[in-house]
């Protein structure tokens, strides 16, 4: 991204200049120490170490200054337009949220609410709400709609996207119709009526598909006999009744008989 490239450019230039200053100060200190200590104690192994360190620091400082000047000679990347920078920041935020475990669901809900708010006040808003309810219902059943029902789920996803686009078109035409002059209102009104009819019939067909999917799940899950869990619960209940009866009999047998008193 250009914004990041511009920021990285100036950060790298600042790091090179700071590094060059540090190595220049170190080279000056080591060079001064070598210049003072060498005549004072004569040439020796420690003096060679001082001189080598000073020379290395001087060379590194020179390289850093050369790198800094070469980078400064390059033109800085241009600044981004504020709108484009905001859009890219929003994209990075969305990408970060999508990496969270619940991120995709949260983003989908936010987009759904934003789209519904955008259609508020138009005739497409009610159809959008109906489509939303039906789509959420189908999404809850989709993991179990496998086998023969798999292609129907794919068709429903395609139809959902198409109907949402149609709802946006209806809302756009309706808003334009409110602003249109009297002589241009008739064609827009006719187009709006046609699009509204298509949207209503499409949403109704989508709802029928969801109802059919629910019926498919109900028939697919309906057992021919009693559910195994119900059979086990019935057996356990009978067993408990038998145990309770046996305990009652044992309690009655174990109670000692008392002799009658006068």
C-alpha atoms as a PDB file:
ATOM      1  CA  UNK A   1       0.000   0.000   0.000  1.00  0.00           C
ATOM      2  CA  UNK A   2       1.202   3.469  -0.875  1.00  0.00           C
ATOM      3  CA  UNK A   3       0.521   4.824   2.592  1.00  0.00           C
ATOM      4  CA  UNK A   4       2.640   2.099   4.134  1.00  0.00           C
ATOM      5  CA  UNK A   5       5.371   2.613   1.525  1.00  0.00           C
ATOM      6  CA  UNK A   6       5.526   6.334   2.303  1.00  0.00           C
ATOM      7  CA  UNK A   7       5.660   5.667   6.035  1.00  0.00           C
ATOM      8  CA  UNK A   8       8.315   2.990   5.597  1.00  0.00           C
ATOM      9  CA  UNK A   9      10.361   5.337   3.410  1.00  0.00           C
ATOM     10  CA  UNK A  10      10.588   8.053   6.051  1.00  0.00           C
ATOM     11  CA  UNK A  11      11.117   5.550   8.864  1.00  0.00           C
ATOM     12  CA  UNK A  12      14.007   3.919   7.002  1.00  0.00           C
ATOM     13  CA  UNK A  13      15.524   7.319   6.208  1.00  0.00           C
ATOM     14  CA  UNK A  14      15.278   8.332   9.870  1.00  0.00           C
ATOM     15  CA  UNK A  15      16.865   5.033  11.002  1.00  0.00           C
ATOM     16  CA  UNK A  16      19.773   5.447   8.571  1.00  0.00           C
ATOM     17  CA  UNK A  17      20.436   8.990   9.735  1.00  0.00           C
ATOM     18  CA  UNK A  18      20.322   8.009  13.406  1.00  0.00           C
ATOM     19  CA  UNK A  19      22.634   5.055  12.734  1.00  0.00           C
ATOM     20  CA  UNK A  20      25.057   7.293  10.829  1.00  0.00           C
ATOM     21  CA  UNK A  21      25.153   9.765  13.733  1.00  0.00           C
ATOM     22  CA  UNK A  22      25.772   6.990  16.260  1.00  0.00           C
ATOM     23  CA  UNK A  23      28.605   5.491  14.247  1.00  0.00           C
ATOM     24  CA  UNK A  24      30.080   8.972  13.669  1.00  0.00           C
ATOM     25  CA  UNK A  25      30.126   9.655  17.411  1.00  0.00           C
ATOM     26  CA  UNK A  26      31.620   6.208  18.115  1.00  0.00           C
ATOM     27  CA  UNK A  27      34.231   6.665  15.389  1.00  0.00           C
ATOM     28  CA  UNK A  28      35.190  10.057  16.834  1.00  0.00           C
ATOM     29  CA  UNK A  29      35.528   8.637  20.327  1.00  0.00           C
ATOM     30  CA  UNK A  30      37.581   5.624  19.292  1.00  0.00           C
ATOM     31  CA  UNK A  31      39.723   7.725  16.956  1.00  0.00           C
ATOM     32  CA  UNK A  32      40.399  10.258  19.687  1.00  0.00           C
ATOM     33  CA  UNK A  33      41.280   7.510  22.176  1.00  0.00           C
ATOM     34  CA  UNK A  34      43.640   5.892  19.677  1.00  0.00           C
ATOM     35  CA  UNK A  35      45.258   9.249  18.884  1.00  0.00           C
ATOM     36  CA  UNK A  36      45.841   9.967  22.569  1.00  0.00           C
ATOM     37  CA  UNK A  37      46.830   6.518  23.851  1.00  0.00           C
ATOM     38  CA  UNK A  38      49.144   5.501  21.000  1.00  0.00           C
ATOM     39  CA  UNK A  39      51.758   8.260  21.520  1.00  0.00           C
ATOM     40  CA  UNK A  40      51.334   7.976  25.289  1.00  0.00           C
ATOM     41  CA  UNK A  41      52.085   4.250  25.690  1.00  0.00           C
ATOM     42  CA  UNK A  42      53.788   3.497  22.370  1.00  0.00           C
ATOM     43  CA  UNK A  43      52.675   1.074  19.695  1.00  0.00           C
ATOM     44  CA  UNK A  44      51.469  -2.320  20.871  1.00  0.00           C
ATOM     45  CA  UNK A  45      48.708  -4.892  20.568  1.00  0.00           C
ATOM     46  CA  UNK A  46      46.145  -2.802  22.501  1.00  0.00           C
ATOM     47  CA  UNK A  47      46.919   0.162  20.268  1.00  0.00           C
ATOM     48  CA  UNK A  48      46.272  -1.971  17.187  1.00  0.00           C
ATOM     49  CA  UNK A  49      42.882  -2.928  18.645  1.00  0.00           C
ATOM     50  CA  UNK A  50      42.028   0.734  19.311  1.00  0.00           C
ATOM     51  CA  UNK A  51      43.076   1.718  15.806  1.00  0.00           C
ATOM     52  CA  UNK A  52      41.158  -1.188  14.188  1.00  0.00           C
ATOM     53  CA  UNK A  53      37.987  -0.375  16.109  1.00  0.00           C
ATOM     54  CA  UNK A  54      38.287   3.297  15.195  1.00  0.00           C
ATOM     55  CA  UNK A  55      38.809   2.463  11.517  1.00  0.00           C
ATOM     56  CA  UNK A  56      35.811   0.097  11.473  1.00  0.00           C
ATOM     57  CA  UNK A  57      33.606   2.720  13.110  1.00  0.00           C
ATOM     58  CA  UNK A  58      34.715   5.326  10.571  1.00  0.00           C
ATOM     59  CA  UNK A  59      33.956   2.956   7.678  1.00  0.00           C
ATOM     60  CA  UNK A  60      30.504   2.044   9.056  1.00  0.00           C
ATOM     61  CA  UNK A  61      29.679   5.696   9.654  1.00  0.00           C
ATOM     62  CA  UNK A  62      30.674   6.529   6.081  1.00  0.00           C
ATOM     63  CA  UNK A  63      28.533   3.694   4.674  1.00  0.00           C
ATOM     64  CA  UNK A  64      25.535   4.779   6.739  1.00  0.00           C
ATOM     65  CA  UNK A  65      25.865   8.384   5.508  1.00  0.00           C
ATOM     66  CA  UNK A  66      26.156   7.167   1.919  1.00  0.00           C
ATOM     67  CA  UNK A  67      23.045   4.983   2.308  1.00  0.00           C
ATOM     68  CA  UNK A  68      21.111   7.819   3.935  1.00  0.00           C
ATOM     69  CA  UNK A  69      22.013  10.290   1.192  1.00  0.00           C
ATOM     70  CA  UNK A  70      21.168   7.762  -1.530  1.00  0.00           C
ATOM     71  CA  UNK A  71      17.767   7.116   0.025  1.00  0.00           C
ATOM     72  CA  UNK A  72      17.132  10.838   0.534  1.00  0.00           C
ATOM     73  CA  UNK A  73      17.899  11.418  -3.157  1.00  0.00           C
ATOM     74  CA  UNK A  74      15.006   9.098  -4.120  1.00  0.00           C
ATOM     75  CA  UNK A  75      11.568  10.736  -4.376  1.00  0.00           C
ATOM     76  CA  UNK A  76       9.245   9.860  -1.518  1.00  0.00           C
ATOM     77  CA  UNK A  77       6.113   7.862  -2.425  1.00  0.00           C
ATOM     78  CA  UNK A  78       3.130  10.173  -2.994  1.00  0.00           C
ATOM     79  CA  UNK A  79       0.617  10.689  -0.211  1.00  0.00           C
ATOM     80  CA  UNK A  80      -2.698   8.892  -0.550  1.00  0.00           C
ATOM     81  CA  UNK A  81      -5.993  10.658  -1.007  1.00  0.00           C
ATOM     82  CA  UNK A  82      -7.805  10.774   2.390  1.00  0.00           C
ATOM     83  CA  UNK A  83     -10.786   8.881   1.005  1.00  0.00           C
ATOM     84  CA  UNK A  84      -8.562   6.141  -0.434  1.00  0.00           C
ATOM     85  CA  UNK A  85      -6.544   5.962   2.788  1.00  0.00           C
ATOM     86  CA  UNK A  86      -9.766   5.579   4.785  1.00  0.00           C
ATOM     87  CA  UNK A  87     -10.983   2.845   2.435  1.00  0.00           C
ATOM     88  CA  UNK A  88      -7.726   0.922   2.786  1.00  0.00           C
ATOM     89  CA  UNK A  89      -7.776   1.304   6.567  1.00  0.00           C
ATOM     90  CA  UNK A  90     -11.332  -0.034   6.564  1.00  0.00           C
ATOM     91  CA  UNK A  91     -10.246  -2.977   4.422  1.00  0.00           C
ATOM     92  CA  UNK A  92      -7.426  -3.793   6.844  1.00  0.00           C
ATOM     93  CA  UNK A  93      -9.847  -3.617   9.785  1.00  0.00           C
ATOM     94  CA  UNK A  94     -12.320  -5.917   8.034  1.00  0.00           C
ATOM     95  CA  UNK A  95      -9.545  -8.393   7.221  1.00  0.00           C
ATOM     96  CA  UNK A  96      -8.453  -8.383  10.876  1.00  0.00           C
ATOM     97  CA  UNK A  97     -12.022  -9.016  12.075  1.00  0.00           C
ATOM     98  CA  UNK A  98     -12.508 -11.847   9.570  1.00  0.00           C
ATOM     99  CA  UNK A  99      -9.556 -13.690  11.089  1.00  0.00           C
ATOM    100  CA  UNK A 100     -11.400 -13.922  14.426  1.00  0.00           C
ATOM    101  CA  UNK A 101     -13.477 -17.063  15.106  1.00  0.00           C
ATOM    102  CA  UNK A 102     -16.775 -15.140  15.100  1.00  0.00           C
ATOM    103  CA  UNK A 103     -15.603 -12.476  12.660  1.00  0.00           C
ATOM    104  CA  UNK A 104     -17.379 -13.628   9.456  1.00  0.00           C
ATOM    105  CA  UNK A 105     -20.717 -13.912  11.249  1.00  0.00           C
ATOM    106  CA  UNK A 106     -20.380 -10.471  12.823  1.00  0.00           C
ATOM    107  CA  UNK A 107     -19.458  -8.863   9.505  1.00  0.00           C
ATOM    108  CA  UNK A 108     -22.343 -10.574   7.722  1.00  0.00           C
ATOM    109  CA  UNK A 109     -24.777  -9.272  10.337  1.00  0.00           C
ATOM    110  CA  UNK A 110     -23.354  -5.751  10.086  1.00  0.00           C
ATOM    111  CA  UNK A 111     -23.680  -5.786   6.288  1.00  0.00           C
ATOM    112  CA  UNK A 112     -27.232  -7.118   6.555  1.00  0.00           C
ATOM    113  CA  UNK A 113     -28.285  -4.385   8.985  1.00  0.00           C
ATOM    114  CA  UNK A 114     -26.588  -1.676   6.912  1.00  0.00           C
ATOM    115  CA  UNK A 115     -28.324  -2.845   3.756  1.00  0.00           C
ATOM    116  CA  UNK A 116     -31.690  -2.930   5.516  1.00  0.00           C
ATOM    117  CA  UNK A 117     -31.169   0.616   6.812  1.00  0.00           C
ATOM    118  CA  UNK A 118     -30.244   1.774   3.308  1.00  0.00           C
ATOM    119  CA  UNK A 119     -33.606   0.484   2.012  1.00  0.00           C
ATOM    120  CA  UNK A 120     -35.644   1.946   4.855  1.00  0.00           C
ATOM    121  CA  UNK A 121     -38.486   4.112   3.656  1.00  0.00           C
ATOM    122  CA  UNK A 122     -38.822   2.345   0.286  1.00  0.00           C
ATOM    123  CA  UNK A 123     -41.198  -0.339  -0.917  1.00  0.00           C
ATOM    124  CA  UNK A 124     -38.236  -2.708  -1.221  1.00  0.00           C
ATOM    125  CA  UNK A 125     -37.585  -2.560   2.530  1.00  0.00           C
ATOM    126  CA  UNK A 126     -40.406  -4.949   3.414  1.00  0.00           C
ATOM    127  CA  UNK A 127     -39.401  -7.422   0.709  1.00  0.00           C
ATOM    128  CA  UNK A 128     -35.791  -7.219   1.896  1.00  0.00           C
ATOM    129  CA  UNK A 129     -36.896  -8.035   5.464  1.00  0.00           C
ATOM    130  CA  UNK A 130     -38.884 -11.036   4.225  1.00  0.00           C
ATOM    131  CA  UNK A 131     -35.913 -12.224   2.186  1.00  0.00           C
ATOM    132  CA  UNK A 132     -33.657 -11.794   5.207  1.00  0.00           C
ATOM    133  CA  UNK A 133     -35.911 -13.930   7.417  1.00  0.00           C
ATOM    134  CA  UNK A 134     -36.158 -16.641   4.806  1.00  0.00           C
ATOM    135  CA  UNK A 135     -32.399 -16.598   4.127  1.00  0.00           C
ATOM    136  CA  UNK A 136     -31.581 -16.908   7.845  1.00  0.00           C
ATOM    137  CA  UNK A 137     -34.004 -19.820   8.148  1.00  0.00           C
ATOM    138  CA  UNK A 138     -32.456 -21.580   5.168  1.00  0.00           C
ATOM    139  CA  UNK A 139     -28.950 -20.925   6.499  1.00  0.00           C
ATOM    140  CA  UNK A 140     -29.877 -22.771   9.689  1.00  0.00           C
ATOM    141  CA  UNK A 141     -31.044 -25.783   7.688  1.00  0.00           C
ATOM    142  CA  UNK A 142     -28.301 -25.727   5.040  1.00  0.00           C
ATOM    143  CA  UNK A 143     -25.819 -28.027   6.859  1.00  0.00           C
ATOM    144  CA  UNK A 144     -28.451 -30.796   6.873  1.00  0.00           C
ATOM    145  CA  UNK A 145     -29.625 -30.259   3.296  1.00  0.00           C
ATOM    146  CA  UNK A 146     -27.310 -32.734   1.643  1.00  0.00           C
ATOM    147  CA  UNK A 147     -27.663 -35.320  -1.076  1.00  0.00           C
ATOM    148  CA  UNK A 148     -30.552 -34.553  -3.412  1.00  0.00           C
ATOM    149  CA  UNK A 149     -31.179 -31.216  -1.686  1.00  0.00           C
ATOM    150  CA  UNK A 150     -27.622 -29.938  -2.284  1.00  0.00           C
ATOM    151  CA  UNK A 151     -28.290 -28.323  -5.703  1.00  0.00           C
ATOM    152  CA  UNK A 152     -31.344 -26.547  -4.261  1.00  0.00           C
ATOM    153  CA  UNK A 153     -29.143 -24.853  -1.659  1.00  0.00           C
ATOM    154  CA  UNK A 154     -26.787 -23.611  -4.363  1.00  0.00           C
ATOM    155  CA  UNK A 155     -29.684 -22.301  -6.423  1.00  0.00           C
ATOM    156  CA  UNK A 156     -31.031 -20.557  -3.333  1.00  0.00           C
ATOM    157  CA  UNK A 157     -27.703 -18.779  -2.792  1.00  0.00           C
ATOM    158  CA  UNK A 158     -27.698 -17.549  -6.391  1.00  0.00           C
ATOM    159  CA  UNK A 159     -31.315 -16.430  -6.120  1.00  0.00           C
ATOM    160  CA  UNK A 160     -30.591 -14.628  -2.838  1.00  0.00           C
ATOM    161  CA  UNK A 161     -27.850 -12.510  -4.423  1.00  0.00           C
ATOM    162  CA  UNK A 162     -30.032 -11.769  -7.455  1.00  0.00           C
ATOM    163  CA  UNK A 163     -33.027 -10.738  -5.337  1.00  0.00           C
ATOM    164  CA  UNK A 164     -30.914  -8.451  -3.155  1.00  0.00           C
ATOM    165  CA  UNK A 165     -29.573  -6.747  -6.264  1.00  0.00           C
ATOM    166  CA  UNK A 166     -33.118  -6.397  -7.560  1.00  0.00           C
ATOM    167  CA  UNK A 167     -34.214  -4.852  -4.254  1.00  0.00           C
ATOM    168  CA  UNK A 168     -31.439  -2.276  -4.522  1.00  0.00           C
ATOM    169  CA  UNK A 169     -32.590  -1.451  -8.073  1.00  0.00           C
ATOM    170  CA  UNK A 170     -36.173  -1.015  -6.900  1.00  0.00           C
ATOM    171  CA  UNK A 171     -35.058   1.350  -4.145  1.00  0.00           C
ATOM    172  CA  UNK A 172     -32.890   3.372  -6.563  1.00  0.00           C
ATOM    173  CA  UNK A 173     -35.720   3.751  -9.092  1.00  0.00           C
ATOM    174  CA  UNK A 174     -38.131   4.707  -6.324  1.00  0.00           C
ATOM    175  CA  UNK A 175     -35.830   7.430  -5.024  1.00  0.00           C
ATOM    176  CA  UNK A 176     -35.304   8.732  -8.554  1.00  0.00           C
ATOM    177  CA  UNK A 177     -39.068   8.707  -9.065  1.00  0.00           C
ATOM    178  CA  UNK A 178     -39.519  11.092  -6.141  1.00  0.00           C
ATOM    179  CA  UNK A 179     -37.124  13.580  -7.745  1.00  0.00           C
ATOM    180  CA  UNK A 180     -38.258  13.187 -11.353  1.00  0.00           C
ATOM    181  CA  UNK A 181     -40.249  15.968 -13.046  1.00  0.00           C
ATOM    182  CA  UNK A 182     -43.830  15.332 -14.024  1.00  0.00           C
ATOM    183  CA  UNK A 183     -43.104  14.627 -17.696  1.00  0.00           C
ATOM    184  CA  UNK A 184     -40.491  11.923 -16.870  1.00  0.00           C
ATOM    185  CA  UNK A 185     -42.378  10.311 -14.035  1.00  0.00           C
ATOM    186  CA  UNK A 186     -44.601   7.968 -16.053  1.00  0.00           C
ATOM    187  CA  UNK A 187     -41.808   5.777 -17.551  1.00  0.00           C
ATOM    188  CA  UNK A 188     -40.080   5.546 -14.177  1.00  0.00           C
ATOM    189  CA  UNK A 189     -43.316   4.627 -12.446  1.00  0.00           C
ATOM    190  CA  UNK A 190     -43.940   1.868 -14.997  1.00  0.00           C
ATOM    191  CA  UNK A 191     -40.399   0.511 -14.584  1.00  0.00           C
ATOM    192  CA  UNK A 192     -40.759   0.678 -10.803  1.00  0.00           C
ATOM    193  CA  UNK A 193     -44.005  -1.274 -10.913  1.00  0.00           C
ATOM    194  CA  UNK A 194     -42.462  -3.981 -13.107  1.00  0.00           C
ATOM    195  CA  UNK A 195     -39.375  -4.295 -10.864  1.00  0.00           C
ATOM    196  CA  UNK A 196     -41.513  -4.344  -7.722  1.00  0.00           C
ATOM    197  CA  UNK A 197     -43.646  -7.142  -9.145  1.00  0.00           C
ATOM    198  CA  UNK A 198     -40.560  -9.159 -10.021  1.00  0.00           C
ATOM    199  CA  UNK A 199     -39.164  -8.630  -6.531  1.00  0.00           C
ATOM    200  CA  UNK A 200     -42.374  -9.691  -4.797  1.00  0.00           C
ATOM    201  CA  UNK A 201     -42.748 -12.833  -6.910  1.00  0.00           C
ATOM    202  CA  UNK A 202     -39.071 -13.695  -6.424  1.00  0.00           C
ATOM    203  CA  UNK A 203     -39.239 -13.319  -2.647  1.00  0.00           C
ATOM    204  CA  UNK A 204     -42.427 -15.404  -2.538  1.00  0.00           C
ATOM    205  CA  UNK A 205     -40.731 -18.128  -4.582  1.00  0.00           C
ATOM    206  CA  UNK A 206     -37.734 -18.029  -2.225  1.00  0.00           C
ATOM    207  CA  UNK A 207     -40.025 -18.438   0.784  1.00  0.00           C
ATOM    208  CA  UNK A 208     -41.712 -21.414  -0.877  1.00  0.00           C
ATOM    209  CA  UNK A 209     -38.282 -22.939  -1.421  1.00  0.00           C
ATOM    210  CA  UNK A 210     -37.482 -22.534   2.280  1.00  0.00           C
ATOM    211  CA  UNK A 211     -40.777 -24.157   3.248  1.00  0.00           C
ATOM    212  CA  UNK A 212     -40.075 -27.038   0.864  1.00  0.00           C
ATOM    213  CA  UNK A 213     -36.604 -27.450   2.393  1.00  0.00           C
ATOM    214  CA  UNK A 214     -38.133 -27.632   5.863  1.00  0.00           C
ATOM    215  CA  UNK A 215     -40.594 -30.271   4.621  1.00  0.00           C
ATOM    216  CA  UNK A 216     -37.725 -32.248   3.105  1.00  0.00           C
ATOM    217  CA  UNK A 217     -35.888 -32.219   6.439  1.00  0.00           C
ATOM    218  CA  UNK A 218     -39.016 -33.250   8.310  1.00  0.00           C
ATOM    219  CA  UNK A 219     -39.698 -36.182   5.972  1.00  0.00           C
ATOM    220  CA  UNK A 220     -36.059 -37.198   5.898  1.00  0.00           C
ATOM    221  CA  UNK A 221     -35.837 -37.279   9.688  1.00  0.00           C
ATOM    222  CA  UNK A 222     -39.209 -38.936  10.302  1.00  0.00           C
ATOM    223  CA  UNK A 223     -38.584 -42.497  11.585  1.00  0.00           C
ATOM    224  CA  UNK A 224     -40.757 -45.421  10.563  1.00  0.00           C
ATOM    225  CA  UNK A 225     -41.092 -46.635  14.159  1.00  0.00           C
ATOM    226  CA  UNK A 226     -40.677 -44.989  17.529  1.00  0.00           C
ATOM    227  CA  UNK A 227     -37.503 -43.039  18.125  1.00  0.00           C
ATOM    228  CA  UNK A 228     -34.766 -45.157  19.803  1.00  0.00           C
ATOM    229  CA  UNK A 229     -34.383 -42.608  22.573  1.00  0.00           C
ATOM    230  CA  UNK A 230     -38.102 -42.830  23.385  1.00  0.00           C
ATOM    231  CA  UNK A 231     -37.891 -46.661  23.477  1.00  0.00           C
ATOM    232  CA  UNK A 232     -34.962 -46.516  25.892  1.00  0.00           C
ATOM    233  CA  UNK A 233     -36.762 -44.046  28.139  1.00  0.00           C
ATOM    234  CA  UNK A 234     -39.857 -46.276  28.188  1.00  0.00           C
ATOM    235  CA  UNK A 235     -37.765 -49.314  29.125  1.00  0.00           C
ATOM    236  CA  UNK A 236     -35.996 -47.361  31.849  1.00  0.00           C
ATOM    237  CA  UNK A 237     -39.345 -46.169  33.228  1.00  0.00           C
ATOM    238  CA  UNK A 238     -40.721 -49.726  33.345  1.00  0.00           C
ATOM    239  CA  UNK A 239     -37.549 -50.885  35.043  1.00  0.00           C
ATOM    240  CA  UNK A 240     -37.810 -48.189  37.704  1.00  0.00           C
ATOM    241  CA  UNK A 241     -41.449 -49.083  38.345  1.00  0.00           C
ATOM    242  CA  UNK A 242     -40.458 -52.725  38.799  1.00  0.00           C
ATOM    243  CA  UNK A 243     -37.636 -51.847  41.174  1.00  0.00           C
ATOM    244  CA  UNK A 244     -39.938 -49.608  43.203  1.00  0.00           C
ATOM    245  CA  UNK A 245     -42.529 -52.381  43.466  1.00  0.00           C
ATOM    246  CA  UNK A 246     -39.894 -54.909  44.579  1.00  0.00           C
ATOM    247  CA  UNK A 247     -38.582 -52.542  47.229  1.00  0.00           C
ATOM    248  CA  UNK A 248     -42.100 -52.006  48.535  1.00  0.00           C
ATOM    249  CA  UNK A 249     -42.635 -55.770  48.843  1.00  0.00           C
ATOM    250  CA  UNK A 250     -39.311 -56.230  50.633  1.00  0.00           C
ATOM    251  CA  UNK A 251     -40.173 -53.435  53.044  1.00  0.00           C
ATOM    252  CA  UNK A 252     -43.512 -55.092  53.810  1.00  0.00           C
ATOM    253  CA  UNK A 253     -41.905 -58.515  54.396  1.00  0.00           C
ATOM    254  CA  UNK A 254     -39.166 -57.100  56.581  1.00  0.00           C
ATOM    255  CA  UNK A 255     -41.616 -55.346  58.932  1.00  0.00           C
ATOM    256  CA  UNK A 256     -42.033 -57.571  62.101  1.00  0.00           C
ATOM    257  CA  UNK A 257     -45.545 -58.566  63.125  1.00  0.00           C
ATOM    258  CA  UNK A 258     -46.563 -57.371  66.585  1.00  0.00           C
ATOM    259  CA  UNK A 259     -48.664 -59.404  68.971  1.00  0.00           C
ATOM    260  CA  UNK A 260     -52.073 -57.915  69.610  1.00  0.00           C
ATOM    261  CA  UNK A 261     -52.392 -56.032  72.889  1.00  0.00           C
ATOM    262  CA  UNK A 262     -55.356 -56.071  75.168  1.00  0.00           C
END
